[in-house]
Amino acid sequence: MKADDGFFTRVYQVTSQIPEGRVTSYGAIAKFLGMPGSARMVGWALNNSHYLKDFIPAHRVVNRNGMLTGKHHFPGVNTMEELLESEGIKVENDKVLNFESFFWDPNKELV
């Protein structure tokens, strides 16, 4: 897939709306876009977002358990964790602490 594919663009539109200090999951974005089995495609889109001119806060998207599974796609070993912690989200052992309290669900917030 290319960056200009409709699905990737829709992923970027949703991700851009995640408020600072909140996180969501790949699966929640996929479900919001009507493709509940496409969490990996959301990940691919976000990995590609690093090459776009507009900033996409991909660091705010984690797996369904709050794990920073996409951290290896950021420059530097701890960049994703550092970005989250700069927004007040505590991370320990590559997992968002109190994940449920920081979770932003596009299926509820963007309806």
C-alpha atoms as a PDB file:
ATOM      1  CA  MET A   1       0.000   0.000   0.000  1.00  0.00           C
ATOM      2  CA  LYS A   2       1.064   3.546  -0.638  1.00  0.00           C
ATOM      3  CA  ALA A   3       0.747   6.480   1.744  1.00  0.00           C
ATOM      4  CA  ASP A   4      -1.993   8.039  -0.368  1.00  0.00           C
ATOM      5  CA  ASP A   5      -4.285   5.007  -0.180  1.00  0.00           C
ATOM      6  CA  GLY A   6      -7.662   5.898   1.329  1.00  0.00           C
ATOM      7  CA  PHE A   7      -7.262   3.607   4.325  1.00  0.00           C
ATOM      8  CA  PHE A   8      -3.913   5.127   5.312  1.00  0.00           C
ATOM      9  CA  THR A   9      -5.346   8.633   4.984  1.00  0.00           C
ATOM     10  CA  ARG A  10      -8.295   7.728   7.205  1.00  0.00           C
ATOM     11  CA  VAL A  11      -5.908   6.229   9.794  1.00  0.00           C
ATOM     12  CA  TYR A  12      -3.977   9.511   9.817  1.00  0.00           C
ATOM     13  CA  GLN A  13      -7.185  11.520  10.207  1.00  0.00           C
ATOM     14  CA  VAL A  14      -8.245   9.503  13.265  1.00  0.00           C
ATOM     15  CA  THR A  15      -4.768   9.421  14.803  1.00  0.00           C
ATOM     16  CA  SER A  16      -4.449  13.184  14.439  1.00  0.00           C
ATOM     17  CA  GLN A  17      -7.491  13.586  16.691  1.00  0.00           C
ATOM     18  CA  ILE A  18      -6.088  11.634  19.655  1.00  0.00           C
ATOM     19  CA  PRO A  19      -5.745  14.251  22.395  1.00  0.00           C
ATOM     20  CA  GLU A  20      -2.384  14.895  24.015  1.00  0.00           C
ATOM     21  CA  GLY A  21      -2.042  12.746  27.119  1.00  0.00           C
ATOM     22  CA  ARG A  22      -4.293   9.981  25.787  1.00  0.00           C
ATOM     23  CA  VAL A  23      -3.657   6.732  23.893  1.00  0.00           C
ATOM     24  CA  THR A  24      -5.677   4.404  21.725  1.00  0.00           C
ATOM     25  CA  SER A  25      -5.075   1.029  20.127  1.00  0.00           C
ATOM     26  CA  TYR A  26      -4.510  -0.158  16.588  1.00  0.00           C
ATOM     27  CA  GLY A  27      -7.641  -2.268  16.874  1.00  0.00           C
ATOM     28  CA  ALA A  28      -9.807   0.613  18.098  1.00  0.00           C
ATOM     29  CA  ILE A  29      -8.806   2.664  15.053  1.00  0.00           C
ATOM     30  CA  ALA A  30      -9.438  -0.292  12.725  1.00  0.00           C
ATOM     31  CA  LYS A  31     -12.862  -0.874  14.271  1.00  0.00           C
ATOM     32  CA  PHE A  32     -13.751   2.820  13.955  1.00  0.00           C
ATOM     33  CA  LEU A  33     -12.830   2.670  10.255  1.00  0.00           C
ATOM     34  CA  GLY A  34     -15.175  -0.291   9.742  1.00  0.00           C
ATOM     35  CA  MET A  35     -12.365  -2.815   9.356  1.00  0.00           C
ATOM     36  CA  PRO A  36     -12.141  -4.524  12.768  1.00  0.00           C
ATOM     37  CA  GLY A  37      -9.680  -7.171  11.585  1.00  0.00           C
ATOM     38  CA  SER A  38      -7.192  -4.658  10.229  1.00  0.00           C
ATOM     39  CA  ALA A  39      -5.164  -3.621  13.282  1.00  0.00           C
ATOM     40  CA  ARG A  40      -1.925  -4.571  11.516  1.00  0.00           C
ATOM     41  CA  MET A  41      -2.806  -2.380   8.567  1.00  0.00           C
ATOM     42  CA  VAL A  42      -3.254   0.505  11.008  1.00  0.00           C
ATOM     43  CA  GLY A  43       0.255  -0.242  12.259  1.00  0.00           C
ATOM     44  CA  TRP A  44       1.632  -0.239   8.727  1.00  0.00           C
ATOM     45  CA  ALA A  45      -0.015   3.100   8.050  1.00  0.00           C
ATOM     46  CA  LEU A  46       1.417   4.609  11.210  1.00  0.00           C
ATOM     47  CA  ASN A  47       4.879   3.279  10.433  1.00  0.00           C
ATOM     48  CA  ASN A  48       4.618   5.012   7.075  1.00  0.00           C
ATOM     49  CA  SER A  49       3.446   8.262   8.723  1.00  0.00           C
ATOM     50  CA  HIS A  50       7.009   9.111   9.758  1.00  0.00           C
ATOM     51  CA  TYR A  51       7.681  10.023   6.117  1.00  0.00           C
ATOM     52  CA  LEU A  52       4.827  12.516   5.826  1.00  0.00           C
ATOM     53  CA  LYS A  53       5.327  16.268   6.033  1.00  0.00           C
ATOM     54  CA  ASP A  54       2.469  16.643   8.542  1.00  0.00           C
ATOM     55  CA  PHE A  55       3.031  15.367  12.088  1.00  0.00           C
ATOM     56  CA  ILE A  56       0.927  12.329  12.966  1.00  0.00           C
ATOM     57  CA  PRO A  57       1.040  11.457  16.706  1.00  0.00           C
ATOM     58  CA  ALA A  58       1.682   7.756  16.071  1.00  0.00           C
ATOM     59  CA  HIS A  59       3.294   7.473  19.515  1.00  0.00           C
ATOM     60  CA  ARG A  60      -0.219   7.653  21.004  1.00  0.00           C
ATOM     61  CA  VAL A  61      -1.215   4.322  19.430  1.00  0.00           C
ATOM     62  CA  VAL A  62      -0.348   1.129  21.308  1.00  0.00           C
ATOM     63  CA  ASN A  63      -1.585  -2.437  21.253  1.00  0.00           C
ATOM     64  CA  ARG A  64      -4.802  -3.575  22.946  1.00  0.00           C
ATOM     65  CA  ASN A  65      -2.933  -4.263  26.194  1.00  0.00           C
ATOM     66  CA  GLY A  66      -1.150  -0.911  26.291  1.00  0.00           C
ATOM     67  CA  MET A  67       2.164  -2.304  25.056  1.00  0.00           C
ATOM     68  CA  LEU A  68       4.469  -0.113  22.957  1.00  0.00           C
ATOM     69  CA  THR A  69       4.698  -2.675  20.170  1.00  0.00           C
ATOM     70  CA  GLY A  70       5.492  -0.019  17.547  1.00  0.00           C
ATOM     71  CA  LYS A  71       8.413   1.519  19.425  1.00  0.00           C
ATOM     72  CA  HIS A  72      11.022   0.040  17.078  1.00  0.00           C
ATOM     73  CA  HIS A  73       9.626   2.199  14.258  1.00  0.00           C
ATOM     74  CA  PHE A  74      10.715   5.391  16.011  1.00  0.00           C
ATOM     75  CA  PRO A  75      14.235   6.798  15.875  1.00  0.00           C
ATOM     76  CA  GLY A  76      16.024   5.921  19.088  1.00  0.00           C
ATOM     77  CA  VAL A  77      15.274   3.066  21.450  1.00  0.00           C
ATOM     78  CA  ASN A  78      13.096   5.052  23.882  1.00  0.00           C
ATOM     79  CA  THR A  79      11.585   7.764  21.670  1.00  0.00           C
ATOM     80  CA  MET A  80       8.005   6.480  21.853  1.00  0.00           C
ATOM     81  CA  GLU A  81       8.193   6.125  25.635  1.00  0.00           C
ATOM     82  CA  GLU A  82       9.754   9.585  26.001  1.00  0.00           C
ATOM     83  CA  LEU A  83       7.038  11.187  23.873  1.00  0.00           C
ATOM     84  CA  LEU A  84       4.295   9.544  25.933  1.00  0.00           C
ATOM     85  CA  GLU A  85       5.927  10.473  29.233  1.00  0.00           C
ATOM     86  CA  SER A  86       6.301  14.086  28.060  1.00  0.00           C
ATOM     87  CA  GLU A  87       2.485  14.065  27.826  1.00  0.00           C
ATOM     88  CA  GLY A  88       2.049  12.703  31.351  1.00  0.00           C
ATOM     89  CA  ILE A  89       1.629   9.023  30.459  1.00  0.00           C
ATOM     90  CA  LYS A  90       3.771   6.720  32.579  1.00  0.00           C
ATOM     91  CA  VAL A  91       5.369   3.739  30.866  1.00  0.00           C
ATOM     92  CA  GLU A  92       7.036   0.790  32.556  1.00  0.00           C
ATOM     93  CA  ASN A  93       8.567  -2.210  30.795  1.00  0.00           C
ATOM     94  CA  ASP A  94       7.199  -0.934  27.463  1.00  0.00           C
ATOM     95  CA  LYS A  95       3.628  -0.828  28.798  1.00  0.00           C
ATOM     96  CA  VAL A  96       1.378   2.150  29.531  1.00  0.00           C
ATOM     97  CA  LEU A  97       0.571   2.159  33.241  1.00  0.00           C
ATOM     98  CA  ASN A  98      -3.134   2.596  34.027  1.00  0.00           C
ATOM     99  CA  PHE A  99      -3.850   2.055  30.334  1.00  0.00           C
ATOM    100  CA  GLU A 100      -7.624   2.084  30.809  1.00  0.00           C
ATOM    101  CA  SER A 101      -7.572   5.551  32.368  1.00  0.00           C
ATOM    102  CA  PHE A 102      -5.652   7.006  29.400  1.00  0.00           C
ATOM    103  CA  PHE A 103      -7.536   5.070  26.708  1.00  0.00           C
ATOM    104  CA  TRP A 104      -9.242   7.203  24.073  1.00  0.00           C
ATOM    105  CA  ASP A 105     -11.836   5.266  22.086  1.00  0.00           C
ATOM    106  CA  PRO A 106     -12.579   6.813  18.681  1.00  0.00           C
ATOM    107  CA  ASN A 107     -15.753   4.710  18.562  1.00  0.00           C
ATOM    108  CA  LYS A 108     -17.105   6.761  21.476  1.00  0.00           C
ATOM    109  CA  GLU A 109     -15.292  10.076  21.020  1.00  0.00           C
ATOM    110  CA  LEU A 110     -15.774  10.592  17.289  1.00  0.00           C
ATOM    111  CA  VAL A 111     -19.377   9.461  16.833  1.00  0.00           C
END
